[in-house]
mmCIF file of all heavy atoms, coordinates in Angstrom:
data_MODEL
# 
_entry.id   MODEL 
# 
loop_
_atom_site.group_PDB 
_atom_site.id 
_atom_site.type_symbol 
_atom_site.label_atom_id 
_atom_site.label_alt_id 
_atom_site.label_comp_id 
_atom_site.label_asym_id 
_atom_site.label_entity_id 
_atom_site.label_seq_id 
_atom_site.pdbx_PDB_ins_code 
_atom_site.Cartn_x 
_atom_site.Cartn_y 
_atom_site.Cartn_z 
_atom_site.occupancy 
_atom_site.B_iso_or_equiv 
_atom_site.pdbx_formal_charge 
_atom_site.auth_seq_id 
_atom_site.auth_comp_id 
_atom_site.auth_asym_id 
_atom_site.auth_atom_id 
_atom_site.pdbx_PDB_model_num 
ATOM 1   N N   . ILE A 1 1  ? 0.696  15.659 -13.412 1.00 0.00 ? 1  ILE A N   1 
ATOM 2   C CA  . ILE A 1 1  ? 0.118  16.827 -12.758 1.00 0.00 ? 1  ILE A CA  1 
ATOM 3   C C   . ILE A 1 1  ? -0.261 17.876 -13.800 1.00 0.00 ? 1  ILE A C   1 
ATOM 4   O O   . ILE A 1 1  ? -1.329 18.497 -13.701 1.00 0.00 ? 1  ILE A O   1 
ATOM 5   C CB  . ILE A 1 1  ? 1.104  17.402 -11.728 1.00 0.00 ? 1  ILE A CB  1 
ATOM 6   C CG1 . ILE A 1 1  ? 1.276  16.421 -10.575 1.00 0.00 ? 1  ILE A CG1 1 
ATOM 7   C CG2 . ILE A 1 1  ? 0.607  18.745 -11.194 1.00 0.00 ? 1  ILE A CG2 1 
ATOM 8   C CD1 . ILE A 1 1  ? 2.324  16.835 -9.572  1.00 0.00 ? 1  ILE A CD1 1 
ATOM 9   N N   . SER A 1 2  ? 0.569  18.050 -14.810 1.00 0.00 ? 2  SER A N   1 
ATOM 10  C CA  . SER A 1 2  ? 0.271  19.036 -15.861 1.00 0.00 ? 2  SER A CA  1 
ATOM 11  C C   . SER A 1 2  ? -1.022 18.686 -16.587 1.00 0.00 ? 2  SER A C   1 
ATOM 12  O O   . SER A 1 2  ? -1.807 19.570 -16.940 1.00 0.00 ? 2  SER A O   1 
ATOM 13  C CB  . SER A 1 2  ? 1.422  19.108 -16.858 1.00 0.00 ? 2  SER A CB  1 
ATOM 14  O OG  . SER A 1 2  ? 2.594  19.568 -16.237 1.00 0.00 ? 2  SER A OG  1 
ATOM 15  N N   . THR A 1 3  ? -1.251 17.403 -16.792 1.00 0.00 ? 3  THR A N   1 
ATOM 16  C CA  . THR A 1 3  ? -2.452 16.980 -17.491 1.00 0.00 ? 3  THR A CA  1 
ATOM 17  C C   . THR A 1 3  ? -3.689 17.082 -16.611 1.00 0.00 ? 3  THR A C   1 
ATOM 18  O O   . THR A 1 3  ? -4.743 17.569 -17.037 1.00 0.00 ? 3  THR A O   1 
ATOM 19  C CB  . THR A 1 3  ? -2.297 15.520 -17.969 1.00 0.00 ? 3  THR A CB  1 
ATOM 20  O OG1 . THR A 1 3  ? -1.170 15.448 -18.857 1.00 0.00 ? 3  THR A OG1 1 
ATOM 21  C CG2 . THR A 1 3  ? -3.550 15.057 -18.700 1.00 0.00 ? 3  THR A CG2 1 
ATOM 22  N N   . ALA A 1 4  ? -3.575 16.638 -15.357 1.00 0.00 ? 4  ALA A N   1 
ATOM 23  C CA  . ALA A 1 4  ? -4.736 16.604 -14.473 1.00 0.00 ? 4  ALA A CA  1 
ATOM 24  C C   . ALA A 1 4  ? -5.107 17.975 -13.934 1.00 0.00 ? 4  ALA A C   1 
ATOM 25  O O   . ALA A 1 4  ? -6.288 18.330 -13.861 1.00 0.00 ? 4  ALA A O   1 
ATOM 26  C CB  . ALA A 1 4  ? -4.458 15.654 -13.305 1.00 0.00 ? 4  ALA A CB  1 
ATOM 27  N N   . THR A 1 5  ? -4.132 18.765 -13.553 1.00 0.00 ? 5  THR A N   1 
ATOM 28  C CA  . THR A 1 5  ? -4.369 20.089 -12.962 1.00 0.00 ? 5  THR A CA  1 
ATOM 29  C C   . THR A 1 5  ? -3.262 21.036 -13.425 1.00 0.00 ? 5  THR A C   1 
ATOM 30  O O   . THR A 1 5  ? -2.291 21.269 -12.701 1.00 0.00 ? 5  THR A O   1 
ATOM 31  C CB  . THR A 1 5  ? -4.385 20.010 -11.424 1.00 0.00 ? 5  THR A CB  1 
ATOM 32  O OG1 . THR A 1 5  ? -3.243 19.258 -10.986 1.00 0.00 ? 5  THR A OG1 1 
ATOM 33  C CG2 . THR A 1 5  ? -5.645 19.335 -10.915 1.00 0.00 ? 5  THR A CG2 1 
ATOM 34  N N   . PRO A 1 6  ? -3.422 21.619 -14.606 1.00 0.00 ? 6  PRO A N   1 
ATOM 35  C CA  . PRO A 1 6  ? -2.336 22.440 -15.163 1.00 0.00 ? 6  PRO A CA  1 
ATOM 36  C C   . PRO A 1 6  ? -1.896 23.586 -14.265 1.00 0.00 ? 6  PRO A C   1 
ATOM 37  O O   . PRO A 1 6  ? -0.719 23.937 -14.222 1.00 0.00 ? 6  PRO A O   1 
ATOM 38  C CB  . PRO A 1 6  ? -2.958 22.968 -16.463 1.00 0.00 ? 6  PRO A CB  1 
ATOM 39  C CG  . PRO A 1 6  ? -3.991 21.958 -16.837 1.00 0.00 ? 6  PRO A CG  1 
ATOM 40  C CD  . PRO A 1 6  ? -4.550 21.452 -15.544 1.00 0.00 ? 6  PRO A CD  1 
ATOM 41  N N   . ALA A 1 7  ? -2.834 24.197 -13.512 1.00 0.00 ? 7  ALA A N   1 
ATOM 42  C CA  . ALA A 1 7  ? -2.458 25.343 -12.685 1.00 0.00 ? 7  ALA A CA  1 
ATOM 43  C C   . ALA A 1 7  ? -1.479 24.941 -11.587 1.00 0.00 ? 7  ALA A C   1 
ATOM 44  O O   . ALA A 1 7  ? -0.654 25.754 -11.153 1.00 0.00 ? 7  ALA A O   1 
ATOM 45  C CB  . ALA A 1 7  ? -3.693 25.970 -12.051 1.00 0.00 ? 7  ALA A CB  1 
ATOM 46  N N   . LEU A 1 8  ? -1.575 23.696 -11.103 1.00 0.00 ? 8  LEU A N   1 
ATOM 47  C CA  . LEU A 1 8  ? -0.633 23.248 -10.092 1.00 0.00 ? 8  LEU A CA  1 
ATOM 48  C C   . LEU A 1 8  ? 0.770  23.141 -10.679 1.00 0.00 ? 8  LEU A C   1 
ATOM 49  O O   . LEU A 1 8  ? 1.748  23.558 -10.056 1.00 0.00 ? 8  LEU A O   1 
ATOM 50  C CB  . LEU A 1 8  ? -1.069 21.897 -9.536  1.00 0.00 ? 8  LEU A CB  1 
ATOM 51  C CG  . LEU A 1 8  ? -2.438 21.862 -8.854  1.00 0.00 ? 8  LEU A CG  1 
ATOM 52  C CD1 . LEU A 1 8  ? -2.700 20.480 -8.254  1.00 0.00 ? 8  LEU A CD1 1 
ATOM 53  C CD2 . LEU A 1 8  ? -2.543 22.926 -7.779  1.00 0.00 ? 8  LEU A CD2 1 
ATOM 54  N N   . ALA A 1 9  ? 0.883  22.584 -11.882 1.00 0.00 ? 9  ALA A N   1 
ATOM 55  C CA  . ALA A 1 9  ? 2.180  22.483 -12.526 1.00 0.00 ? 9  ALA A CA  1 
ATOM 56  C C   . ALA A 1 9  ? 2.758  23.865 -12.794 1.00 0.00 ? 9  ALA A C   1 
ATOM 57  O O   . ALA A 1 9  ? 3.961  24.101 -12.630 1.00 0.00 ? 9  ALA A O   1 
ATOM 58  C CB  . ALA A 1 9  ? 2.056  21.691 -13.825 1.00 0.00 ? 9  ALA A CB  1 
ATOM 59  N N   . ASP A 1 10 ? 1.903  24.808 -13.183 1.00 0.00 ? 10 ASP A N   1 
ATOM 60  C CA  . ASP A 1 10 ? 2.350  26.172 -13.461 1.00 0.00 ? 10 ASP A CA  1 
ATOM 61  C C   . ASP A 1 10 ? 2.899  26.857 -12.206 1.00 0.00 ? 10 ASP A C   1 
ATOM 62  O O   . ASP A 1 10 ? 3.688  27.793 -12.307 1.00 0.00 ? 10 ASP A O   1 
ATOM 63  C CB  . ASP A 1 10 ? 1.205  27.014 -14.011 1.00 0.00 ? 10 ASP A CB  1 
ATOM 64  C CG  . ASP A 1 10 ? 0.882  26.701 -15.464 1.00 0.00 ? 10 ASP A CG  1 
ATOM 65  O OD1 . ASP A 1 10 ? 1.700  26.031 -16.134 1.00 0.00 ? 10 ASP A OD1 1 
ATOM 66  O OD2 . ASP A 1 10 ? -0.193 27.122 -15.946 1.00 0.00 ? 10 ASP A OD2 1 
ATOM 67  N N   . GLN A 1 11 ? 2.468  26.414 -11.022 1.00 0.00 ? 11 GLN A N   1 
ATOM 68  C CA  . GLN A 1 11 ? 2.868  27.066 -9.774  1.00 0.00 ? 11 GLN A CA  1 
ATOM 69  C C   . GLN A 1 11 ? 4.055  26.395 -9.093  1.00 0.00 ? 11 GLN A C   1 
ATOM 70  O O   . GLN A 1 11 ? 4.431  26.801 -7.987  1.00 0.00 ? 11 GLN A O   1 
ATOM 71  C CB  . GLN A 1 11 ? 1.688  27.143 -8.817  1.00 0.00 ? 11 GLN A CB  1 
ATOM 72  C CG  . GLN A 1 11 ? 0.617  28.114 -9.281  1.00 0.00 ? 11 GLN A CG  1 
ATOM 73  C CD  . GLN A 1 11 ? -0.554 28.158 -8.343  1.00 0.00 ? 11 GLN A CD  1 
ATOM 74  O OE1 . GLN A 1 11 ? -0.582 28.917 -7.359  1.00 0.00 ? 11 GLN A OE1 1 
ATOM 75  N NE2 . GLN A 1 11 ? -1.567 27.356 -8.629  1.00 0.00 ? 11 GLN A NE2 1 
ATOM 76  N N   . ILE A 1 12 ? 4.628  25.371 -9.692  1.00 0.00 ? 12 ILE A N   1 
ATOM 77  C CA  . ILE A 1 12 ? 5.838  24.772 -9.142  1.00 0.00 ? 12 ILE A CA  1 
ATOM 78  C C   . ILE A 1 12 ? 7.033  25.668 -9.479  1.00 0.00 ? 12 ILE A C   1 
ATOM 79  O O   . ILE A 1 12 ? 7.191  26.121 -10.614 1.00 0.00 ? 12 ILE A O   1 
ATOM 80  C CB  . ILE A 1 12 ? 6.048  23.357 -9.712  1.00 0.00 ? 12 ILE A CB  1 
ATOM 81  C CG1 . ILE A 1 12 ? 4.944  22.420 -9.215  1.00 0.00 ? 12 ILE A CG1 1 
ATOM 82  C CG2 . ILE A 1 12 ? 7.421  22.818 -9.286  1.00 0.00 ? 12 ILE A CG2 1 
ATOM 83  C CD1 . ILE A 1 12 ? 4.991  21.040 -9.846  1.00 0.00 ? 12 ILE A CD1 1 
ATOM 84  N N   . THR A 1 13 ? 7.834  25.970 -8.513  1.00 0.00 ? 13 THR A N   1 
ATOM 85  C CA  . THR A 1 13 ? 9.001  26.833 -8.711  1.00 0.00 ? 13 THR A CA  1 
ATOM 86  C C   . THR A 1 13 ? 9.811  26.358 -9.916  1.00 0.00 ? 13 THR A C   1 
ATOM 87  O O   . THR A 1 13 ? 10.122 25.171 -10.042 1.00 0.00 ? 13 THR A O   1 
ATOM 88  C CB  . THR A 1 13 ? 9.886  26.832 -7.456  1.00 0.00 ? 13 THR A CB  1 
ATOM 89  O OG1 . THR A 1 13 ? 9.125  27.349 -6.363  1.00 0.00 ? 13 THR A OG1 1 
ATOM 90  C CG2 . THR A 1 13 ? 11.116 27.683 -7.665  1.00 0.00 ? 13 THR A CG2 1 
ATOM 91  N N   . GLY A 1 14 ? 10.105 27.299 -10.810 1.00 0.00 ? 14 GLY A N   1 
ATOM 92  C CA  . GLY A 1 14 ? 10.897 26.975 -11.991 1.00 0.00 ? 14 GLY A CA  1 
ATOM 93  C C   . GLY A 1 14 ? 10.105 26.541 -13.194 1.00 0.00 ? 14 GLY A C   1 
ATOM 94  O O   . GLY A 1 14 ? 10.689 26.190 -14.226 1.00 0.00 ? 14 GLY A O   1 
ATOM 95  N N   . SER A 1 15 ? 8.775  26.555 -13.101 1.00 0.00 ? 15 SER A N   1 
ATOM 96  C CA  . SER A 1 15 ? 7.950  26.140 -14.235 1.00 0.00 ? 15 SER A CA  1 
ATOM 97  C C   . SER A 1 15 ? 8.144  27.087 -15.412 1.00 0.00 ? 15 SER A C   1 
ATOM 98  O O   . SER A 1 15 ? 8.570  28.245 -15.253 1.00 0.00 ? 15 SER A O   1 
ATOM 99  C CB  . SER A 1 15 ? 6.468  26.125 -13.837 1.00 0.00 ? 15 SER A CB  1 
ATOM 100 O OG  . SER A 1 15 ? 5.999  27.459 -13.665 1.00 0.00 ? 15 SER A OG  1 
ATOM 101 N N   . ALA A 1 16 ? 7.793  26.612 -16.608 1.00 0.00 ? 16 ALA A N   1 
ATOM 102 C CA  . ALA A 1 16 ? 7.912  27.443 -17.804 1.00 0.00 ? 16 ALA A CA  1 
ATOM 103 C C   . ALA A 1 16 ? 7.028  28.683 -17.687 1.00 0.00 ? 16 ALA A C   1 
ATOM 104 O O   . ALA A 1 16 ? 7.411  29.777 -18.110 1.00 0.00 ? 16 ALA A O   1 
ATOM 105 C CB  . ALA A 1 16 ? 7.537  26.629 -19.029 1.00 0.00 ? 16 ALA A CB  1 
ATOM 106 N N   . PHE A 1 17 ? 5.849  28.507 -17.093 1.00 0.00 ? 17 PHE A N   1 
ATOM 107 C CA  . PHE A 1 17 ? 4.938  29.649 -16.935 1.00 0.00 ? 17 PHE A CA  1 
ATOM 108 C C   . PHE A 1 17 ? 5.557  30.727 -16.056 1.00 0.00 ? 17 PHE A C   1 
ATOM 109 O O   . PHE A 1 17 ? 5.575  31.912 -16.402 1.00 0.00 ? 17 PHE A O   1 
ATOM 110 C CB  . PHE A 1 17 ? 3.606  29.201 -16.339 1.00 0.00 ? 17 PHE A CB  1 
ATOM 111 C CG  . PHE A 1 17 ? 2.713  30.350 -15.982 1.00 0.00 ? 17 PHE A CG  1 
ATOM 112 C CD1 . PHE A 1 17 ? 1.916  30.962 -16.953 1.00 0.00 ? 17 PHE A CD1 1 
ATOM 113 C CD2 . PHE A 1 17 ? 2.685  30.855 -14.685 1.00 0.00 ? 17 PHE A CD2 1 
ATOM 114 C CE1 . PHE A 1 17 ? 1.120  32.064 -16.640 1.00 0.00 ? 17 PHE A CE1 1 
ATOM 115 C CE2 . PHE A 1 17 ? 1.881  31.934 -14.357 1.00 0.00 ? 17 PHE A CE2 1 
ATOM 116 C CZ  . PHE A 1 17 ? 1.104  32.530 -15.342 1.00 0.00 ? 17 PHE A CZ  1 
ATOM 117 N N   . LEU A 1 18 ? 6.102  30.339 -14.894 1.00 0.00 ? 18 LEU A N   1 
ATOM 118 C CA  . LEU A 1 18 ? 6.679  31.318 -13.992 1.00 0.00 ? 18 LEU A CA  1 
ATOM 119 C C   . LEU A 1 18 ? 7.956  31.936 -14.542 1.00 0.00 ? 18 LEU A C   1 
ATOM 120 O O   . LEU A 1 18 ? 8.236  33.116 -14.309 1.00 0.00 ? 18 LEU A O   1 
ATOM 121 C CB  . LEU A 1 18 ? 6.959  30.677 -12.638 1.00 0.00 ? 18 LEU A CB  1 
ATOM 122 C CG  . LEU A 1 18 ? 5.710  30.340 -11.813 1.00 0.00 ? 18 LEU A CG  1 
ATOM 123 C CD1 . LEU A 1 18 ? 6.078  29.496 -10.607 1.00 0.00 ? 18 LEU A CD1 1 
ATOM 124 C CD2 . LEU A 1 18 ? 4.991  31.615 -11.369 1.00 0.00 ? 18 LEU A CD2 1 
ATOM 125 N N   . THR A 1 19 ? 8.712  31.164 -15.298 1.00 0.00 ? 19 THR A N   1 
ATOM 126 C CA  . THR A 1 19 ? 9.904  31.703 -15.930 1.00 0.00 ? 19 THR A CA  1 
ATOM 127 C C   . THR A 1 19 ? 9.537  32.829 -16.894 1.00 0.00 ? 19 THR A C   1 
ATOM 128 O O   . THR A 1 19 ? 10.167 33.898 -16.899 1.00 0.00 ? 19 THR A O   1 
ATOM 129 C CB  . THR A 1 19 ? 10.667 30.592 -16.671 1.00 0.00 ? 19 THR A CB  1 
ATOM 130 O OG1 . THR A 1 19 ? 11.079 29.591 -15.727 1.00 0.00 ? 19 THR A OG1 1 
ATOM 131 C CG2 . THR A 1 19 ? 11.898 31.151 -17.364 1.00 0.00 ? 19 THR A CG2 1 
ATOM 132 N N   . LYS A 1 20 ? 8.482  32.610 -17.677 1.00 0.00 ? 20 LYS A N   1 
ATOM 133 C CA  . LYS A 1 20 ? 8.031  33.658 -18.602 1.00 0.00 ? 20 LYS A CA  1 
ATOM 134 C C   . LYS A 1 20 ? 7.474  34.851 -17.833 1.00 0.00 ? 20 LYS A C   1 
ATOM 135 O O   . LYS A 1 20 ? 7.776  36.016 -18.163 1.00 0.00 ? 20 LYS A O   1 
ATOM 136 C CB  . LYS A 1 20 ? 6.960  33.086 -19.522 1.00 0.00 ? 20 LYS A CB  1 
ATOM 137 C CG  . LYS A 1 20 ? 6.342  34.125 -20.479 1.00 0.00 ? 20 LYS A CG  1 
ATOM 138 C CD  . LYS A 1 20 ? 5.273  33.509 -21.376 1.00 0.00 ? 20 LYS A CD  1 
ATOM 139 C CE  . LYS A 1 20 ? 4.647  34.567 -22.270 1.00 0.00 ? 20 LYS A CE  1 
ATOM 140 N NZ  . LYS A 1 20 ? 3.595  33.976 -23.162 1.00 0.00 ? 20 LYS A NZ  1 
ATOM 141 N N   . LEU A 1 21 ? 6.673  34.584 -16.813 1.00 0.00 ? 21 LEU A N   1 
ATOM 142 C CA  . LEU A 1 21 ? 6.038  35.656 -16.060 1.00 0.00 ? 21 LEU A CA  1 
ATOM 143 C C   . LEU A 1 21 ? 7.052  36.576 -15.418 1.00 0.00 ? 21 LEU A C   1 
ATOM 144 O O   . LEU A 1 21 ? 6.889  37.816 -15.415 1.00 0.00 ? 21 LEU A O   1 
ATOM 145 C CB  . LEU A 1 21 ? 5.117  35.073 -14.987 1.00 0.00 ? 21 LEU A CB  1 
ATOM 146 C CG  . LEU A 1 21 ? 4.438  36.081 -14.056 1.00 0.00 ? 21 LEU A CG  1 
ATOM 147 C CD1 . LEU A 1 21 ? 3.476  36.968 -14.835 1.00 0.00 ? 21 LEU A CD1 1 
ATOM 148 C CD2 . LEU A 1 21 ? 3.711  35.358 -12.931 1.00 0.00 ? 21 LEU A CD2 1 
ATOM 149 N N   . ASN A 1 22 ? 8.109  36.025 -14.856 1.00 0.00 ? 22 ASN A N   1 
ATOM 150 C CA  . ASN A 1 22 ? 9.055  36.811 -14.061 1.00 0.00 ? 22 ASN A CA  1 
ATOM 151 C C   . ASN A 1 22 ? 10.256 37.320 -14.851 1.00 0.00 ? 22 ASN A C   1 
ATOM 152 O O   . ASN A 1 22 ? 11.071 38.073 -14.314 1.00 0.00 ? 22 ASN A O   1 
ATOM 153 C CB  . ASN A 1 22 ? 9.520  36.001 -12.861 1.00 0.00 ? 22 ASN A CB  1 
ATOM 154 C CG  . ASN A 1 22 ? 8.384  35.755 -11.872 1.00 0.00 ? 22 ASN A CG  1 
ATOM 155 O OD1 . ASN A 1 22 ? 7.613  36.666 -11.567 1.00 0.00 ? 22 ASN A OD1 1 
ATOM 156 N ND2 . ASN A 1 22 ? 8.263  34.520 -11.386 1.00 0.00 ? 22 ASN A ND2 1 
ATOM 157 N N   . ALA A 1 23 ? 10.350 36.922 -16.112 1.00 0.00 ? 23 ALA A N   1 
ATOM 158 C CA  . ALA A 1 23 ? 11.460 37.398 -16.937 1.00 0.00 ? 23 ALA A CA  1 
ATOM 159 C C   . ALA A 1 23 ? 11.289 38.904 -17.203 1.00 0.00 ? 23 ALA A C   1 
ATOM 160 O O   . ALA A 1 23 ? 10.190 39.382 -17.483 1.00 0.00 ? 23 ALA A O   1 
ATOM 161 C CB  . ALA A 1 23 ? 11.508 36.631 -18.260 1.00 0.00 ? 23 ALA A CB  1 
ATOM 162 N N   . GLY A 1 24 ? 12.376 39.632 -17.094 1.00 0.00 ? 24 GLY A N   1 
ATOM 163 C CA  . GLY A 1 24 ? 12.329 41.043 -17.435 1.00 0.00 ? 24 GLY A CA  1 
ATOM 164 C C   . GLY A 1 24 ? 11.733 41.949 -16.364 1.00 0.00 ? 24 GLY A C   1 
ATOM 165 O O   . GLY A 1 24 ? 11.450 43.120 -16.646 1.00 0.00 ? 24 GLY A O   1 
ATOM 166 N N   . GLY A 1 25 ? 11.535 41.439 -15.159 1.00 0.00 ? 25 GLY A N   1 
ATOM 167 C CA  . GLY A 1 25 ? 11.032 42.277 -14.084 1.00 0.00 ? 25 GLY A CA  1 
ATOM 168 C C   . GLY A 1 25 ? 9.659  41.841 -13.614 1.00 0.00 ? 25 GLY A C   1 
ATOM 169 O O   . GLY A 1 25 ? 8.868  41.267 -14.347 1.00 0.00 ? 25 GLY A O   1 
ATOM 170 N N   . ASP A 1 26 ? 9.377  42.162 -12.347 1.00 0.00 ? 26 ASP A N   1 
ATOM 171 C CA  . ASP A 1 26 ? 8.149  41.712 -11.707 1.00 0.00 ? 26 ASP A CA  1 
ATOM 172 C C   . ASP A 1 26 ? 6.954  42.610 -11.997 1.00 0.00 ? 26 ASP A C   1 
ATOM 173 O O   . ASP A 1 26 ? 5.801  42.170 -11.870 1.00 0.00 ? 26 ASP A O   1 
ATOM 174 C CB  . ASP A 1 26 ? 8.336  41.676 -10.184 1.00 0.00 ? 26 ASP A CB  1 
ATOM 175 C CG  . ASP A 1 26 ? 9.357  40.643 -9.742  1.00 0.00 ? 26 ASP A CG  1 
ATOM 176 O OD1 . ASP A 1 26 ? 9.719  39.776 -10.561 1.00 0.00 ? 26 ASP A OD1 1 
ATOM 177 O OD2 . ASP A 1 26 ? 9.786  40.714 -8.567  1.00 0.00 ? 26 ASP A OD2 1 
# 
């Protein structure tokens, strides 16, 4: 999924992208 459609992988709960985005406050 990360290779075919990276944005989908980024939107799975707990992804590295979301972890970075939400760290330190919304």
